[in-house]
Full PDB file with SEQRES, HELIX, SHEET, SSBOND, CRYST1, ORIGX, SCALE, CONECT and MASTER records, all heavy atoms in Angstrom:
SEQRES   1 A   34  SER VAL ASN ALA ASP SER MET ASN GLN LYS GLN TYR ILE          
SEQRES   2 A   34  TYR ASP TYR ALA GLU LEU LEU SER GLU THR GLU VAL GLU          
SEQRES   3 A   34  GLU LEU GLU SER LEU SER SER GLU                              
HELIX    1 AA1 VAL A    2  SER A    6  1                                   5    
HELIX    2 AA2 MET A    7  GLN A    9  5                                   3    
HELIX    3 AA3 GLU A   22  SER A   33  1                                  12    
CRYST1    1.000    1.000    1.000  90.00  90.00  90.00 P 1           1          
ORIGX1      1.000000  0.000000  0.000000        0.00000                         
ORIGX2      0.000000  1.000000  0.000000        0.00000                         
ORIGX3      0.000000  0.000000  1.000000        0.00000                         
SCALE1      1.000000  0.000000  0.000000        0.00000                         
SCALE2      0.000000  1.000000  0.000000        0.00000                         
SCALE3      0.000000  0.000000  1.000000        0.00000                         
ATOM      1  N   SER A   1      71.374  91.215  77.838  1.00  0.00           N  
ATOM      2  CA  SER A   1      71.900  89.871  78.107  1.00  0.00           C  
ATOM      3  C   SER A   1      73.405  89.895  78.269  1.00  0.00           C  
ATOM      4  O   SER A   1      73.950  89.179  79.093  1.00  0.00           O  
ATOM      5  CB  SER A   1      71.500  88.921  76.979  1.00  0.00           C  
ATOM      6  OG  SER A   1      72.098  89.333  75.756  1.00  0.00           O  
ATOM      7  N   VAL A   2      74.116  90.704  77.506  1.00  0.00           N  
ATOM      8  CA  VAL A   2      75.568  90.787  77.631  1.00  0.00           C  
ATOM      9  C   VAL A   2      75.943  91.319  78.994  1.00  0.00           C  
ATOM     10  O   VAL A   2      76.852  90.838  79.658  1.00  0.00           O  
ATOM     11  CB  VAL A   2      76.150  91.691  76.514  1.00  0.00           C  
ATOM     12  CG1 VAL A   2      77.620  91.987  76.781  1.00  0.00           C  
ATOM     13  CG2 VAL A   2      75.982  91.026  75.155  1.00  0.00           C  
ATOM     14  N   ASN A   3      75.209  92.334  79.472  1.00  0.00           N  
ATOM     15  CA  ASN A   3      75.498  92.904  80.779  1.00  0.00           C  
ATOM     16  C   ASN A   3      75.252  91.897  81.889  1.00  0.00           C  
ATOM     17  O   ASN A   3      75.999  91.816  82.858  1.00  0.00           O  
ATOM     18  CB  ASN A   3      74.645  94.151  80.989  1.00  0.00           C  
ATOM     19  CG  ASN A   3      74.970  94.856  82.289  1.00  0.00           C  
ATOM     20  OD1 ASN A   3      76.124  95.171  82.520  1.00  0.00           O  
ATOM     21  ND2 ASN A   3      73.962  95.089  83.118  1.00  0.00           N  
ATOM     22  N   ALA A   4      74.210  91.063  81.751  1.00  0.00           N  
ATOM     23  CA  ALA A   4      73.904  90.064  82.773  1.00  0.00           C  
ATOM     24  C   ALA A   4      74.997  89.012  82.858  1.00  0.00           C  
ATOM     25  O   ALA A   4      75.377  88.584  83.925  1.00  0.00           O  
ATOM     26  CB  ALA A   4      72.560  89.397  82.448  1.00  0.00           C  
ATOM     27  N   ASP A   5      75.511  88.599  81.694  1.00  0.00           N  
ATOM     28  CA  ASP A   5      76.576  87.597  81.711  1.00  0.00           C  
ATOM     29  C   ASP A   5      77.840  88.135  82.343  1.00  0.00           C  
ATOM     30  O   ASP A   5      78.538  87.438  83.041  1.00  0.00           O  
ATOM     31  CB  ASP A   5      76.883  87.133  80.273  1.00  0.00           C  
ATOM     32  CG  ASP A   5      75.783  86.234  79.731  1.00  0.00           C  
ATOM     33  OD1 ASP A   5      75.005  85.731  80.542  1.00  0.00           O  
ATOM     34  OD2 ASP A   5      75.726  86.046  78.506  1.00  0.00           O  
ATOM     35  N   SER A   6      78.149  89.419  82.098  1.00  0.00           N  
ATOM     36  CA  SER A   6      79.378  89.983  82.645  1.00  0.00           C  
ATOM     37  C   SER A   6      79.310  90.097  84.168  1.00  0.00           C  
ATOM     38  O   SER A   6      80.330  90.134  84.827  1.00  0.00           O  
ATOM     39  CB  SER A   6      79.635  91.368  82.025  1.00  0.00           C  
ATOM     40  OG  SER A   6      78.636  92.291  82.419  1.00  0.00           O  
ATOM     41  N   MET A   7      78.087  90.139  84.737  1.00  0.00           N  
ATOM     42  CA  MET A   7      77.944  90.226  86.184  1.00  0.00           C  
ATOM     43  C   MET A   7      78.268  88.895  86.854  1.00  0.00           C  
ATOM     44  O   MET A   7      78.419  88.824  88.063  1.00  0.00           O  
ATOM     45  CB  MET A   7      76.514  90.629  86.546  1.00  0.00           C  
ATOM     46  CG  MET A   7      76.157  92.062  86.170  1.00  0.00           C  
ATOM     47  SD  MET A   7      77.117  93.250  87.109  1.00  0.00           S  
ATOM     48  CE  MET A   7      76.396  93.013  88.727  1.00  0.00           C  
ATOM     49  N   ASN A   8      78.364  87.812  86.091  1.00  0.00           N  
ATOM     50  CA  ASN A   8      78.521  86.492  86.674  1.00  0.00           C  
ATOM     51  C   ASN A   8      79.848  86.310  87.399  1.00  0.00           C  
ATOM     52  O   ASN A   8      79.934  85.546  88.336  1.00  0.00           O  
ATOM     53  CB  ASN A   8      78.395  85.420  85.577  1.00  0.00           C  
ATOM     54  CG  ASN A   8      78.212  84.042  86.168  1.00  0.00           C  
ATOM     55  OD1 ASN A   8      77.239  83.798  86.836  1.00  0.00           O  
ATOM     56  ND2 ASN A   8      79.166  83.164  85.930  1.00  0.00           N  
ATOM     57  N   GLN A   9      80.902  87.023  87.006  1.00  0.00           N  
ATOM     58  CA  GLN A   9      82.205  86.838  87.630  1.00  0.00           C  
ATOM     59  C   GLN A   9      82.700  88.099  88.313  1.00  0.00           C  
ATOM     60  O   GLN A   9      83.876  88.408  88.294  1.00  0.00           O  
ATOM     61  CB  GLN A   9      83.240  86.352  86.609  1.00  0.00           C  
ATOM     62  CG  GLN A   9      83.329  87.173  85.349  1.00  0.00           C  
ATOM     63  CD  GLN A   9      82.394  86.685  84.268  1.00  0.00           C  
ATOM     64  OE1 GLN A   9      81.632  85.752  84.481  1.00  0.00           O  
ATOM     65  NE2 GLN A   9      82.430  87.305  83.120  1.00  0.00           N  
ATOM     66  N   LYS A  10      81.803  88.848  88.919  1.00  0.00           N  
ATOM     67  CA  LYS A  10      82.178  90.080  89.608  1.00  0.00           C  
ATOM     68  C   LYS A  10      82.743  89.814  90.995  1.00  0.00           C  
ATOM     69  O   LYS A  10      83.629  90.523  91.455  1.00  0.00           O  
ATOM     70  CB  LYS A  10      80.967  91.018  89.724  1.00  0.00           C  
ATOM     71  CG  LYS A  10      80.553  91.673  88.427  1.00  0.00           C  
ATOM     72  CD  LYS A  10      81.592  92.680  87.956  1.00  0.00           C  
ATOM     73  CE  LYS A  10      81.121  93.409  86.715  1.00  0.00           C  
ATOM     74  NZ  LYS A  10      82.133  94.356  86.211  1.00  0.00           N  
ATOM     75  N   GLN A  11      82.233  88.822  91.709  1.00  0.00           N  
ATOM     76  CA  GLN A  11      82.644  88.580  93.092  1.00  0.00           C  
ATOM     77  C   GLN A  11      83.265  87.199  93.230  1.00  0.00           C  
ATOM     78  O   GLN A  11      82.752  86.217  92.705  1.00  0.00           O  
ATOM     79  CB  GLN A  11      81.447  88.694  94.039  1.00  0.00           C  
ATOM     80  CG  GLN A  11      81.818  88.585  95.519  1.00  0.00           C  
ATOM     81  CD  GLN A  11      80.636  88.828  96.443  1.00  0.00           C  
ATOM     82  OE1 GLN A  11      79.532  89.109  95.982  1.00  0.00           O  
ATOM     83  NE2 GLN A  11      80.852  88.702  97.735  1.00  0.00           N  
ATOM     84  N   TYR A  12      84.408  87.152  93.931  1.00  0.00           N  
ATOM     85  CA  TYR A  12      85.119  85.896  94.131  1.00  0.00           C  
ATOM     86  C   TYR A  12      85.260  85.540  95.615  1.00  0.00           C  
ATOM     87  O   TYR A  12      85.430  84.386  95.949  1.00  0.00           O  
ATOM     88  CB  TYR A  12      86.519  85.966  93.510  1.00  0.00           C  
ATOM     89  CG  TYR A  12      86.515  86.186  92.015  1.00  0.00           C  
ATOM     90  CD1 TYR A  12      86.567  87.471  91.481  1.00  0.00           C  
ATOM     91  CD2 TYR A  12      86.446  85.112  91.144  1.00  0.00           C  
ATOM     92  CE1 TYR A  12      86.563  87.671  90.111  1.00  0.00           C  
ATOM     93  CE2 TYR A  12      86.435  85.293  89.772  1.00  0.00           C  
ATOM     94  CZ  TYR A  12      86.494  86.586  89.258  1.00  0.00           C  
ATOM     95  OH  TYR A  12      86.473  86.791  87.895  1.00  0.00           O  
ATOM     96  N   ILE A  13      85.218  86.537  96.505  1.00  0.00           N  
ATOM     97  CA  ILE A  13      85.430  86.327  97.930  1.00  0.00           C  
ATOM     98  C   ILE A  13      84.119  86.564  98.684  1.00  0.00           C  
ATOM     99  O   ILE A  13      83.582  87.671  98.655  1.00  0.00           O  
ATOM    100  CB  ILE A  13      86.537  87.251  98.482  1.00  0.00           C  
ATOM    101  CG1 ILE A  13      87.778  87.202  97.588  1.00  0.00           C  
ATOM    102  CG2 ILE A  13      86.857  86.870  99.916  1.00  0.00           C  
ATOM    103  CD1 ILE A  13      88.398  85.825  97.440  1.00  0.00           C  
ATOM    104  N   TYR A  14      83.614  85.536  99.355  1.00  0.00           N  
ATOM    105  CA  TYR A  14      82.393  85.624 100.152  1.00  0.00           C  
ATOM    106  C   TYR A  14      82.787  85.409 101.618  1.00  0.00           C  
ATOM    107  O   TYR A  14      82.758  84.287 102.125  1.00  0.00           O  
ATOM    108  CB  TYR A  14      81.369  84.584  99.700  1.00  0.00           C  
ATOM    109  CG  TYR A  14      80.814  84.835  98.310  1.00  0.00           C  
ATOM    110  CD1 TYR A  14      81.537  84.478  97.183  1.00  0.00           C  
ATOM    111  CD2 TYR A  14      79.563  85.444  98.131  1.00  0.00           C  
ATOM    112  CE1 TYR A  14      81.038  84.701  95.910  1.00  0.00           C  
ATOM    113  CE2 TYR A  14      79.056  85.667  96.860  1.00  0.00           C  
ATOM    114  CZ  TYR A  14      79.797  85.302  95.755  1.00  0.00           C  
ATOM    115  OH  TYR A  14      79.290  85.534  94.494  1.00  0.00           O  
ATOM    116  N   ASP A  15      83.132  86.482 102.292  1.00  0.00           N  
ATOM    117  CA  ASP A  15      83.632  86.405 103.668  1.00  0.00           C  
ATOM    118  C   ASP A  15      82.481  86.575 104.652  1.00  0.00           C  
ATOM    119  O   ASP A  15      82.396  87.568 105.374  1.00  0.00           O  
ATOM    120  CB  ASP A  15      84.715  87.468 103.894  1.00  0.00           C  
ATOM    121  CG  ASP A  15      85.375  87.346 105.250  1.00  0.00           C  
ATOM    122  OD1 ASP A  15      85.379  86.226 105.816  1.00  0.00           O  
ATOM    123  OD2 ASP A  15      85.894  88.365 105.756  1.00  0.00           O  
ATOM    124  N   TYR A  16      81.586  85.582 104.710  1.00  0.00           N  
ATOM    125  CA  TYR A  16      80.439  85.651 105.612  1.00  0.00           C  
ATOM    126  C   TYR A  16      80.870  85.619 107.078  1.00  0.00           C  
ATOM    127  O   TYR A  16      80.179  86.159 107.939  1.00  0.00           O  
ATOM    128  CB  TYR A  16      79.480  84.485 105.335  1.00  0.00           C  
ATOM    129  CG  TYR A  16      78.890  84.488 103.947  1.00  0.00           C  
ATOM    130  CD1 TYR A  16      78.866  83.331 103.173  1.00  0.00           C  
ATOM    131  CD2 TYR A  16      78.344  85.646 103.391  1.00  0.00           C  
ATOM    132  CE1 TYR A  16      78.310  83.325 101.892  1.00  0.00           C  
ATOM    133  CE2 TYR A  16      77.784  85.658 102.119  1.00  0.00           C  
ATOM    134  CZ  TYR A  16      77.783  84.483 101.378  1.00  0.00           C  
ATOM    135  OH  TYR A  16      77.237  84.495 100.113  1.00  0.00           O  
ATOM    136  N   ALA A  17      81.992  84.983 107.387  1.00  0.00           N  
ATOM    137  CA  ALA A  17      82.477  84.890 108.762  1.00  0.00           C  
ATOM    138  C   ALA A  17      83.256  86.134 109.188  1.00  0.00           C  
ATOM    139  O   ALA A  17      83.676  86.229 110.337  1.00  0.00           O  
ATOM    140  CB  ALA A  17      83.360  83.654 108.929  1.00  0.00           C  
ATOM    141  N   GLU A  18      83.456  87.069 108.268  1.00  0.00           N  
ATOM    142  CA  GLU A  18      84.152  88.333 108.543  1.00  0.00           C  
ATOM    143  C   GLU A  18      85.551  88.100 109.132  1.00  0.00           C  
ATOM    144  O   GLU A  18      85.914  88.628 110.172  1.00  0.00           O  
ATOM    145  CB  GLU A  18      83.317  89.211 109.480  1.00  0.00           C  
ATOM    146  CG  GLU A  18      81.965  89.585 108.892  1.00  0.00           C  
ATOM    147  CD  GLU A  18      81.151  90.475 109.808  1.00  0.00           C  
ATOM    148  OE1 GLU A  18      81.561  90.638 110.985  1.00  0.00           O  
ATOM    149  OE2 GLU A  18      80.123  91.010 109.357  1.00  0.00           O  
ATOM    150  N   LEU A  19      86.320  87.296 108.446  1.00  0.00           N  
ATOM    151  CA  LEU A  19      87.689  86.992 108.876  1.00  0.00           C  
ATOM    152  C   LEU A  19      88.712  87.964 108.298  1.00  0.00           C  
ATOM    153  O   LEU A  19      89.840  88.031 108.783  1.00  0.00           O  
ATOM    154  CB  LEU A  19      88.064  85.567 108.456  1.00  0.00           C  
ATOM    155  CG  LEU A  19      87.154  84.437 108.939  1.00  0.00           C  
ATOM    156  CD1 LEU A  19      87.629  83.104 108.396  1.00  0.00           C  
ATOM    157  CD2 LEU A  19      87.120  84.409 110.464  1.00  0.00           C  
ATOM    158  N   LEU A  20      88.333  88.691 107.276  1.00  0.00           N  
ATOM    159  CA  LEU A  20      89.255  89.545 106.551  1.00  0.00           C  
ATOM    160  C   LEU A  20      88.873  91.014 106.694  1.00  0.00           C  
ATOM    161  O   LEU A  20      87.702  91.350 106.887  1.00  0.00           O  
ATOM    162  CB  LEU A  20      89.272  89.178 105.062  1.00  0.00           C  
ATOM    163  CG  LEU A  20      89.555  87.708 104.724  1.00  0.00           C  
ATOM    164  CD1 LEU A  20      89.248  87.435 103.253  1.00  0.00           C  
ATOM    165  CD2 LEU A  20      91.014  87.374 105.023  1.00  0.00           C  
ATOM    166  N   SER A  21      89.881  91.880 106.594  1.00  0.00           N  
ATOM    167  CA  SER A  21      89.617  93.308 106.567  1.00  0.00           C  
ATOM    168  C   SER A  21      89.161  93.704 105.162  1.00  0.00           C  
ATOM    169  O   SER A  21      89.279  92.925 104.214  1.00  0.00           O  
ATOM    170  CB  SER A  21      90.882  94.081 106.941  1.00  0.00           C  
ATOM    171  OG  SER A  21      91.889  93.902 105.961  1.00  0.00           O  
ATOM    172  N   GLU A  22      88.660  94.917 105.018  1.00  0.00           N  
ATOM    173  CA  GLU A  22      88.215  95.379 103.700  1.00  0.00           C  
ATOM    174  C   GLU A  22      89.365  95.410 102.710  1.00  0.00           C  
ATOM    175  O   GLU A  22      89.204  95.055 101.531  1.00  0.00           O  
ATOM    176  CB  GLU A  22      87.590  96.772 103.825  1.00  0.00           C  
ATOM    177  CG  GLU A  22      86.275  96.801 104.582  1.00  0.00           C  
ATOM    178  CD  GLU A  22      85.660  98.184 104.589  1.00  0.00           C  
ATOM    179  OE1 GLU A  22      86.230  99.087 103.922  1.00  0.00           O  
ATOM    180  OE2 GLU A  22      84.620  98.369 105.244  1.00  0.00           O  
ATOM    181  N   THR A  23      90.541  95.820 103.202  1.00  0.00           N  
ATOM    182  CA  THR A  23      91.720  95.870 102.330  1.00  0.00           C  
ATOM    183  C   THR A  23      92.109  94.474 101.862  1.00  0.00           C  
ATOM    184  O   THR A  23      92.444  94.258 100.688  1.00  0.00           O  
ATOM    185  CB  THR A  23      92.918  96.508 103.061  1.00  0.00           C  
ATOM    186  OG1 THR A  23      92.548  97.822 103.494  1.00  0.00           O  
ATOM    187  CG2 THR A  23      94.122  96.586 102.143  1.00  0.00           C  
ATOM    188  N   GLU A  24      92.056  93.495 102.776  1.00  0.00           N  
ATOM    189  CA  GLU A  24      92.411  92.125 102.410  1.00  0.00           C  
ATOM    190  C   GLU A  24      91.419  91.549 101.400  1.00  0.00           C  
ATOM    191  O   GLU A  24      91.816  90.836 100.470  1.00  0.00           O  
ATOM    192  CB  GLU A  24      92.475  91.258 103.667  1.00  0.00           C  
ATOM    193  CG  GLU A  24      93.660  91.580 104.574  1.00  0.00           C  
ATOM    194  CD  GLU A  24      93.619  90.816 105.876  1.00  0.00           C  
ATOM    195  OE1 GLU A  24      92.520  90.431 106.323  1.00  0.00           O  
ATOM    196  OE2 GLU A  24      94.709  90.594 106.460  1.00  0.00           O  
ATOM    197  N   VAL A  25      90.140  91.853 101.591  1.00  0.00           N  
ATOM    198  CA  VAL A  25      89.139  91.377 100.638  1.00  0.00           C  
ATOM    199  C   VAL A  25      89.399  91.968  99.253  1.00  0.00           C  
ATOM    200  O   VAL A  25      89.338  91.266  98.236  1.00  0.00           O  
ATOM    201  CB  VAL A  25      87.711  91.737 101.120  1.00  0.00           C  
ATOM    202  CG1 VAL A  25      86.690  91.458 100.014  1.00  0.00           C  
ATOM    203  CG2 VAL A  25      87.349  90.963 102.370  1.00  0.00           C  
ATOM    204  N   GLU A  26      89.712  93.266  99.195  1.00  0.00           N  
ATOM    205  CA  GLU A  26      89.987  93.914  97.923  1.00  0.00           C  
ATOM    206  C   GLU A  26      91.210  93.303  97.239  1.00  0.00           C  
ATOM    207  O   GLU A  26      91.215  93.085  96.016  1.00  0.00           O  
ATOM    208  CB  GLU A  26      90.200  95.417  98.134  1.00  0.00           C  
ATOM    209  CG  GLU A  26      88.934  96.166  98.537  1.00  0.00           C  
ATOM    210  CD  GLU A  26      89.221  97.632  98.840  1.00  0.00           C  
ATOM    211  OE1 GLU A  26      90.398  98.040  98.721  1.00  0.00           O  
ATOM    212  OE2 GLU A  26      88.272  98.353  99.182  1.00  0.00           O  
ATOM    213  N   GLU A  27      92.256  93.007  98.023  1.00  0.00           N  
ATOM    214  CA  GLU A  27      93.467  92.416  97.450  1.00  0.00           C  
ATOM    215  C   GLU A  27      93.194  91.022  96.914  1.00  0.00           C  
ATOM    216  O   GLU A  27      93.668  90.654  95.825  1.00  0.00           O  
ATOM    217  CB  GLU A  27      94.581  92.374  98.505  1.00  0.00           C  
ATOM    218  CG  GLU A  27      95.130  93.750  98.871  1.00  0.00           C  
ATOM    219  CD  GLU A  27      96.295  93.650  99.847  1.00  0.00           C  
ATOM    220  OE1 GLU A  27      96.854  92.543  99.997  1.00  0.00           O  
ATOM    221  OE2 GLU A  27      96.639  94.671 100.464  1.00  0.00           O  
ATOM    222  N   LEU A  28      92.426  90.231  97.662  1.00  0.00           N  
ATOM    223  CA  LEU A  28      92.107  88.873  97.206  1.00  0.00           C  
ATOM    224  C   LEU A  28      91.183  88.905  95.993  1.00  0.00           C  
ATOM    225  O   LEU A  28      91.313  88.071  95.080  1.00  0.00           O  
ATOM    226  CB  LEU A  28      91.462  88.072  98.336  1.00  0.00           C  
ATOM    227  CG  LEU A  28      92.381  87.684  99.497  1.00  0.00           C  
ATOM    228  CD1 LEU A  28      91.591  87.013 100.608  1.00  0.00           C  
ATOM    229  CD2 LEU A  28      93.500  86.757  99.021  1.00  0.00           C  
ATOM    230  N   GLU A  29      90.249  89.843  95.971  1.00  0.00           N  
ATOM    231  CA  GLU A  29      89.365  89.993  94.805  1.00  0.00           C  
ATOM    232  C   GLU A  29      90.190  90.323  93.567  1.00  0.00           C  
ATOM    233  O   GLU A  29      89.978  89.756  92.488  1.00  0.00           O  
ATOM    234  CB  GLU A  29      88.329  91.099  95.054  1.00  0.00           C  
ATOM    235  CG  GLU A  29      87.219  90.731  96.010  1.00  0.00           C  
ATOM    236  CD  GLU A  29      86.140  89.871  95.363  1.00  0.00           C  
ATOM    237  OE1 GLU A  29      86.294  89.515  94.167  1.00  0.00           O  
ATOM    238  OE2 GLU A  29      85.166  89.542  96.049  1.00  0.00           O  
ATOM    239  N   SER A  30      91.144  91.242  93.708  1.00  0.00           N  
ATOM    240  CA  SER A  30      91.994  91.628  92.586  1.00  0.00           C  
ATOM    241  C   SER A  30      92.860  90.462  92.119  1.00  0.00           C  
ATOM    242  O   SER A  30      92.991  90.208  90.912  1.00  0.00           O  
ATOM    243  CB  SER A  30      92.874  92.810  92.984  1.00  0.00           C  
ATOM    244  OG  SER A  30      93.760  93.167  91.935  1.00  0.00           O  
ATOM    245  N   LEU A  31      93.451  89.748  93.075  1.00  0.00           N  
ATOM    246  CA  LEU A  31      94.301  88.606  92.738  1.00  0.00           C  
ATOM    247  C   LEU A  31      93.499  87.517  92.034  1.00  0.00           C  
ATOM    248  O   LEU A  31      93.910  86.991  90.988  1.00  0.00           O  
ATOM    249  CB  LEU A  31      94.935  88.038  94.014  1.00  0.00           C  
ATOM    250  CG  LEU A  31      95.739  86.737  93.866  1.00  0.00           C  
ATOM    251  CD1 LEU A  31      96.955  86.951  92.978  1.00  0.00           C  
ATOM    252  CD2 LEU A  31      96.148  86.200  95.236  1.00  0.00           C  
ATOM    253  N   SER A  32      92.346  87.181  92.588  1.00  0.00           N  
ATOM    254  CA  SER A  32      91.523  86.131  92.006  1.00  0.00           C  
ATOM    255  C   SER A  32      91.010  86.521  90.629  1.00  0.00           C  
ATOM    256  O   SER A  32      90.962  85.695  89.721  1.00  0.00           O  
ATOM    257  CB  SER A  32      90.349  85.814  92.927  1.00  0.00           C  
ATOM    258  OG  SER A  32      89.607  84.714  92.437  1.00  0.00           O  
ATOM    259  N   SER A  33      90.634  87.787  90.470  1.00  0.00           N  
ATOM    260  CA  SER A  33      90.146  88.257  89.169  1.00  0.00           C  
ATOM    261  C   SER A  33      91.220  88.118  88.100  1.00  0.00           C  
ATOM    262  O   SER A  33      90.960  87.670  86.976  1.00  0.00           O  
ATOM    263  CB  SER A  33      89.685  89.715  89.281  1.00  0.00           C  
ATOM    264  OG  SER A  33      89.284  90.205  88.021  1.00  0.00           O  
ATOM    265  N   GLU A  34      92.450  88.485  88.458  1.00  0.00           N  
ATOM    266  CA  GLU A  34      93.557  88.420  87.497  1.00  0.00           C  
ATOM    267  C   GLU A  34      93.890  86.977  87.117  1.00  0.00           C  
ATOM    268  O   GLU A  34      94.005  86.644  85.928  1.00  0.00           O  
ATOM    269  CB  GLU A  34      94.794  89.088  88.099  1.00  0.00           C  
ATOM    270  CG  GLU A  34      96.027  89.010  87.207  1.00  0.00           C  
ATOM    271  CD  GLU A  34      97.260  89.597  87.857  1.00  0.00           C  
ATOM    272  OE1 GLU A  34      97.144  90.194  88.964  1.00  0.00           O  
ATOM    273  OE2 GLU A  34      98.360  89.455  87.290  1.00  0.00           O  
TER     274      GLU A  34                                                      
MASTER        0    0    0    3    0    0    0    6  273    1    0    3          
END                                                                             
């Protein structure tokens, strides 16, 4: 159960329209996580 809860905030950027590069997604994920 602890592992399941920790998975809840793993992803912040859902770029379904593919507007961002992989590097940009990683930077935004890191910024949002922090």
